[in-house]
Amino acid sequence: MVEIAKTIILIGVLTIFVGMILYVFGKIPGAGKLPGDIFIKKENFSFYFPITTSILVSIILSLLLYFWGKK
């Protein structure tokens, strides 16, 4: 049970750290504007779903966690 608590705390600290980096440095260049990201804009409605960006982030995080787990 203690290991789960430590893991949750680590995830929270990493989330705060990444949030602070994104706040200080602004948006990551090119993120959210990749081919395949869906953006629909009408008169008083806009819909944005960054599907390609989400897949790319998922692959990167999966690789990082895979290599971290092997360590």
Protein backbone atom coordinates (compact mmCIF):
# COMPACT_ATOMS: atom_id res chain seq x y z
CA MET A 1 0.00 0.00 0.00
CA VAL A 2 2.89 2.35 0.72
CA GLU A 3 4.31 1.82 -2.78
CA ILE A 4 1.00 2.86 -4.36
CA ALA A 5 0.98 6.04 -2.26
CA LYS A 6 4.54 6.86 -3.29
CA THR A 7 3.68 6.30 -6.94
CA ILE A 8 0.62 8.56 -6.76
CA ILE A 9 2.67 11.28 -5.05
CA LEU A 10 5.38 10.97 -7.71
CA ILE A 11 2.80 11.26 -10.50
CA GLY A 12 1.36 14.37 -8.82
CA VAL A 13 4.77 16.00 -8.46
CA LEU A 14 5.60 15.23 -12.10
CA THR A 15 2.26 16.66 -13.22
CA ILE A 16 2.89 19.87 -11.29
CA PHE A 17 6.42 20.08 -12.71
CA VAL A 18 5.25 19.63 -16.31
CA GLY A 19 2.46 22.16 -15.72
CA MET A 20 4.94 24.73 -14.44
CA ILE A 21 7.22 24.17 -17.44
CA LEU A 22 4.33 24.61 -19.87
CA TYR A 23 3.17 27.72 -18.02
CA VAL A 24 6.62 29.32 -18.10
CA PHE A 25 7.61 28.37 -21.64
CA GLY A 26 4.17 28.57 -23.24
CA LYS A 27 2.87 26.11 -25.75
CA ILE A 28 5.11 23.50 -27.28
CA PRO A 29 5.79 24.57 -30.88
CA GLY A 30 3.81 22.53 -33.37
CA ALA A 31 1.83 20.63 -30.75
CA GLY A 32 -1.86 20.67 -31.52
CA LYS A 33 -1.32 21.66 -35.14
CA LEU A 34 -0.30 18.32 -36.55
CA PRO A 35 -1.94 16.75 -39.59
CA GLY A 36 -4.86 14.69 -38.35
CA ASP A 37 -5.87 17.03 -35.54
CA ILE A 38 -9.56 17.83 -35.91
CA PHE A 39 -10.69 21.46 -35.80
CA ILE A 40 -14.21 22.52 -36.77
CA LYS A 41 -15.25 26.16 -36.58
CA LYS A 42 -18.69 27.52 -37.37
CA GLU A 43 -20.40 30.82 -36.55
CA ASN A 44 -20.80 30.43 -32.79
CA PHE A 45 -19.31 26.97 -32.30
CA SER A 46 -15.81 25.55 -32.40
CA PHE A 47 -14.66 22.00 -31.77
CA TYR A 48 -11.05 20.94 -31.40
CA PHE A 49 -9.79 17.40 -30.88
CA PRO A 50 -6.00 16.90 -31.18
CA ILE A 51 -6.12 13.20 -32.03
CA THR A 52 -2.70 13.01 -33.70
CA THR A 53 -1.08 14.99 -30.90
CA SER A 54 -2.73 12.68 -28.34
CA ILE A 55 -1.41 9.58 -30.11
CA LEU A 56 2.09 11.06 -30.31
CA VAL A 57 2.11 11.97 -26.60
CA SER A 58 0.81 8.49 -25.76
CA ILE A 59 3.61 6.81 -27.72
CA ILE A 60 6.27 9.00 -26.10
CA LEU A 61 4.94 8.39 -22.59
CA SER A 62 4.62 4.65 -23.25
CA LEU A 63 8.24 4.46 -24.36
CA LEU A 64 9.44 6.50 -21.38
CA LEU A 65 7.52 4.33 -18.92
CA TYR A 66 8.70 1.15 -20.66
CA PHE A 67 12.36 2.12 -20.36
CA TRP A 68 11.85 3.42 -16.82
CA GLY A 69 10.25 0.10 -15.84
CA LYS A 70 13.18 -1.89 -17.23
CA LYS A 71 15.57 0.14 -15.08
